C-alpha atoms as a PDB file:
ATOM      1  CA  UNK A   1     -57.733-110.143   6.631  1.00  0.00           C
ATOM      2  CA  UNK A   2     -61.162-108.663   7.478  1.00  0.00           C
ATOM      3  CA  UNK A   3     -60.506-109.100  11.197  1.00  0.00           C
ATOM      4  CA  UNK A   4     -57.277-107.101  10.851  1.00  0.00           C
ATOM      5  CA  UNK A   5     -59.097-104.342   8.954  1.00  0.00           C
ATOM      6  CA  UNK A   6     -61.801-104.094  11.647  1.00  0.00           C
ATOM      7  CA  UNK A   7     -59.080-104.105  14.310  1.00  0.00           C
ATOM      8  CA  UNK A   8     -57.193-101.230  12.662  1.00  0.00           C
ATOM      9  CA  UNK A   9     -60.423 -99.224  12.402  1.00  0.00           C
ATOM     10  CA  UNK A  10     -61.280 -99.987  16.027  1.00  0.00           C
ATOM     11  CA  UNK A  11     -57.781 -98.947  17.115  1.00  0.00           C
ATOM     12  CA  UNK A  12     -58.122 -95.617  15.299  1.00  0.00           C
ATOM     13  CA  UNK A  13     -61.670 -95.071  16.586  1.00  0.00           C
ATOM     14  CA  UNK A  14     -60.605 -95.761  20.164  1.00  0.00           C
ATOM     15  CA  UNK A  15     -57.756 -93.278  19.834  1.00  0.00           C
ATOM     16  CA  UNK A  16     -60.197 -90.710  18.447  1.00  0.00           C
ATOM     17  CA  UNK A  17     -62.544 -91.263  21.407  1.00  0.00           C
ATOM     18  CA  UNK A  18     -59.649 -90.906  23.849  1.00  0.00           C
ATOM     19  CA  UNK A  19     -58.532 -87.703  22.125  1.00  0.00           C
ATOM     20  CA  UNK A  20     -62.028 -86.211  22.370  1.00  0.00           C
ATOM     21  CA  UNK A  21     -62.132 -87.195  26.038  1.00  0.00           C
ATOM     22  CA  UNK A  22     -58.814 -85.404  26.725  1.00  0.00           C
ATOM     23  CA  UNK A  23     -59.928 -82.340  24.787  1.00  0.00           C
ATOM     24  CA  UNK A  24     -63.281 -82.081  26.609  1.00  0.00           C
ATOM     25  CA  UNK A  25     -61.677 -82.549  30.031  1.00  0.00           C
ATOM     26  CA  UNK A  26     -59.244 -79.727  29.264  1.00  0.00           C
ATOM     27  CA  UNK A  27     -62.057 -77.294  28.408  1.00  0.00           C
ATOM     28  CA  UNK A  28     -65.142 -78.452  30.341  1.00  0.00           C
ATOM     29  CA  UNK A  29     -65.038 -78.502  34.145  1.00  0.00           C
ATOM     30  CA  UNK A  30     -68.633 -79.735  34.559  1.00  0.00           C
ATOM     31  CA  UNK A  31     -69.341 -83.341  35.628  1.00  0.00           C
ATOM     32  CA  UNK A  32     -71.568 -84.002  32.592  1.00  0.00           C
ATOM     33  CA  UNK A  33     -70.086 -86.740  30.300  1.00  0.00           C
ATOM     34  CA  UNK A  34     -69.828 -84.448  27.273  1.00  0.00           C
ATOM     35  CA  UNK A  35     -67.066 -86.433  25.526  1.00  0.00           C
ATOM     36  CA  UNK A  36     -69.212 -89.564  25.275  1.00  0.00           C
ATOM     37  CA  UNK A  37     -72.137 -87.508  24.013  1.00  0.00           C
ATOM     38  CA  UNK A  38     -69.933 -85.889  21.344  1.00  0.00           C
ATOM     39  CA  UNK A  39     -68.489 -89.143  20.019  1.00  0.00           C
ATOM     40  CA  UNK A  40     -71.902 -90.839  20.034  1.00  0.00           C
ATOM     41  CA  UNK A  41     -73.562 -87.980  18.130  1.00  0.00           C
ATOM     42  CA  UNK A  42     -70.668 -87.687  15.643  1.00  0.00           C
ATOM     43  CA  UNK A  43     -70.653 -91.453  15.181  1.00  0.00           C
ATOM     44  CA  UNK A  44     -74.410 -91.453  14.628  1.00  0.00           C
ATOM     45  CA  UNK A  45     -74.067 -88.732  12.010  1.00  0.00           C
ATOM     46  CA  UNK A  46     -71.271 -90.587  10.209  1.00  0.00           C
ATOM     47  CA  UNK A  47     -73.077 -93.923  10.181  1.00  0.00           C
ATOM     48  CA  UNK A  48     -76.224 -92.246   8.867  1.00  0.00           C
ATOM     49  CA  UNK A  49     -74.226 -90.570   6.112  1.00  0.00           C
ATOM     50  CA  UNK A  50     -72.196 -93.627   5.120  1.00  0.00           C
ATOM     51  CA  UNK A  51     -75.038 -96.123   5.203  1.00  0.00           C
ATOM     52  CA  UNK A  52     -77.240 -93.982   2.960  1.00  0.00           C
ATOM     53  CA  UNK A  53     -74.332 -93.891   0.514  1.00  0.00           C
ATOM     54  CA  UNK A  54     -74.274 -97.691   0.666  1.00  0.00           C
ATOM     55  CA  UNK A  55     -78.064 -97.870   0.183  1.00  0.00           C
ATOM     56  CA  UNK A  56     -77.726 -95.649  -2.881  1.00  0.00           C
ATOM     57  CA  UNK A  57     -75.172 -98.105  -4.276  1.00  0.00           C
ATOM     58  CA  UNK A  58     -72.139 -95.862  -4.005  1.00  0.00           C
ATOM     59  CA  UNK A  59     -69.372 -98.335  -4.788  1.00  0.00           C
ATOM     60  CA  UNK A  60     -67.631 -98.588  -1.423  1.00  0.00           C
ATOM     61  CA  UNK A  61     -65.324-101.552  -1.188  1.00  0.00           C
ATOM     62  CA  UNK A  62     -66.394-103.964   1.575  1.00  0.00           C
ATOM     63  CA  UNK A  63     -63.102-103.425   3.411  1.00  0.00           C
ATOM     64  CA  UNK A  64     -63.736 -99.653   3.535  1.00  0.00           C
ATOM     65  CA  UNK A  65     -67.032-100.303   5.320  1.00  0.00           C
ATOM     66  CA  UNK A  66     -65.379-102.788   7.668  1.00  0.00           C
ATOM     67  CA  UNK A  67     -62.624-100.275   8.448  1.00  0.00           C
ATOM     68  CA  UNK A  68     -64.873 -97.228   8.769  1.00  0.00           C
ATOM     69  CA  UNK A  69     -68.233 -98.399  10.069  1.00  0.00           C
ATOM     70  CA  UNK A  70     -67.552-101.613  11.962  1.00  0.00           C
ATOM     71  CA  UNK A  71     -64.039-100.726  13.093  1.00  0.00           C
ATOM     72  CA  UNK A  72     -63.657 -96.960  13.456  1.00  0.00           C
ATOM     73  CA  UNK A  73     -67.227 -96.051  14.418  1.00  0.00           C
ATOM     74  CA  UNK A  74     -67.537 -99.156  16.586  1.00  0.00           C
ATOM     75  CA  UNK A  75     -64.334 -98.199  18.391  1.00  0.00           C
ATOM     76  CA  UNK A  76     -65.137 -94.500  18.647  1.00  0.00           C
ATOM     77  CA  UNK A  77     -68.731 -94.657  19.864  1.00  0.00           C
ATOM     78  CA  UNK A  78     -69.518 -96.414  23.064  1.00  0.00           C
ATOM     79  CA  UNK A  79     -72.753 -97.475  24.640  1.00  0.00           C
ATOM     80  CA  UNK A  80     -70.960 -99.043  27.596  1.00  0.00           C
ATOM     81  CA  UNK A  81     -69.343 -95.742  28.621  1.00  0.00           C
ATOM     82  CA  UNK A  82     -72.682 -93.966  28.187  1.00  0.00           C
ATOM     83  CA  UNK A  83     -74.491 -96.400  30.478  1.00  0.00           C
ATOM     84  CA  UNK A  84     -71.703 -96.445  33.072  1.00  0.00           C
ATOM     85  CA  UNK A  85     -71.549 -92.649  33.196  1.00  0.00           C
ATOM     86  CA  UNK A  86     -75.332 -92.426  33.498  1.00  0.00           C
ATOM     87  CA  UNK A  87     -75.396 -94.879  36.415  1.00  0.00           C
ATOM     88  CA  UNK A  88     -72.519 -92.964  38.029  1.00  0.00           C
ATOM     89  CA  UNK A  89     -74.514 -89.742  37.787  1.00  0.00           C
ATOM     90  CA  UNK A  90     -77.524 -91.451  39.396  1.00  0.00           C
ATOM     91  CA  UNK A  91     -75.370 -92.905  42.165  1.00  0.00           C
ATOM     92  CA  UNK A  92     -73.901 -89.491  42.944  1.00  0.00           C
ATOM     93  CA  UNK A  93     -77.428 -88.045  43.232  1.00  0.00           C
ATOM     94  CA  UNK A  94     -77.121 -86.045  40.010  1.00  0.00           C
ATOM     95  CA  UNK A  95     -80.439 -87.342  38.720  1.00  0.00           C
ATOM     96  CA  UNK A  96     -81.147 -84.336  36.503  1.00  0.00           C
ATOM     97  CA  UNK A  97     -77.762 -84.640  34.770  1.00  0.00           C
ATOM     98  CA  UNK A  98     -78.358 -88.385  34.335  1.00  0.00           C
ATOM     99  CA  UNK A  99     -81.711 -87.677  32.695  1.00  0.00           C
ATOM    100  CA  UNK A 100     -80.169 -85.023  30.467  1.00  0.00           C
ATOM    101  CA  UNK A 101     -77.441 -87.480  29.486  1.00  0.00           C
ATOM    102  CA  UNK A 102     -79.932 -90.180  28.489  1.00  0.00           C
ATOM    103  CA  UNK A 103     -82.166 -87.731  26.626  1.00  0.00           C
ATOM    104  CA  UNK A 104     -79.298 -85.968  24.869  1.00  0.00           C
ATOM    105  CA  UNK A 105     -77.630 -89.174  23.691  1.00  0.00           C
ATOM    106  CA  UNK A 106     -80.901 -90.599  22.401  1.00  0.00           C
ATOM    107  CA  UNK A 107     -82.354 -87.473  20.795  1.00  0.00           C
ATOM    108  CA  UNK A 108     -79.104 -86.066  19.392  1.00  0.00           C
ATOM    109  CA  UNK A 109     -77.958 -89.513  18.234  1.00  0.00           C
ATOM    110  CA  UNK A 110     -81.198 -90.089  16.323  1.00  0.00           C
ATOM    111  CA  UNK A 111     -81.105 -86.553  14.916  1.00  0.00           C
ATOM    112  CA  UNK A 112     -77.499 -87.037  13.813  1.00  0.00           C
ATOM    113  CA  UNK A 113     -78.384 -90.207  11.883  1.00  0.00           C
ATOM    114  CA  UNK A 114     -81.234 -88.367  10.148  1.00  0.00           C
ATOM    115  CA  UNK A 115     -78.962 -85.385   9.405  1.00  0.00           C
ATOM    116  CA  UNK A 116     -76.229 -87.661   8.071  1.00  0.00           C
ATOM    117  CA  UNK A 117     -78.692 -89.402   5.787  1.00  0.00           C
ATOM    118  CA  UNK A 118     -80.093 -86.053   4.672  1.00  0.00           C
ATOM    119  CA  UNK A 119     -76.694 -84.643   3.794  1.00  0.00           C
ATOM    120  CA  UNK A 120     -75.720 -87.853   2.054  1.00  0.00           C
ATOM    121  CA  UNK A 121     -78.965 -87.626   0.070  1.00  0.00           C
ATOM    122  CA  UNK A 122     -77.967 -84.158  -1.153  1.00  0.00           C
ATOM    123  CA  UNK A 123     -74.419 -85.267  -1.939  1.00  0.00           C
ATOM    124  CA  UNK A 124     -75.241 -88.623  -3.483  1.00  0.00           C
END
């Protein structure tokens, strides 16, 4: 049953990532991989928020965490797309954009986890 729950979350997270990708492509003509950055930062924020709730013993059912964290966030965020897009930028001689992509994903992702934990700390 847990495998099915993770699979449903992953399915929904993958659809969310695809939707963000379509939305960004419709409104951003630049070659920077903004969609991947957005889903990684949002996913980092959400995991920071949810895991602090867990640490503070908010009674989440195990299946909710499997659905939301392992499934949805695992399906929505993607390190493989981030690395592929970064290498593609390097290969197309867009070294500055590649560096911005690495820096932005790392710095904003870490900041989003801290922000998520901070907001959860206020709420919880």
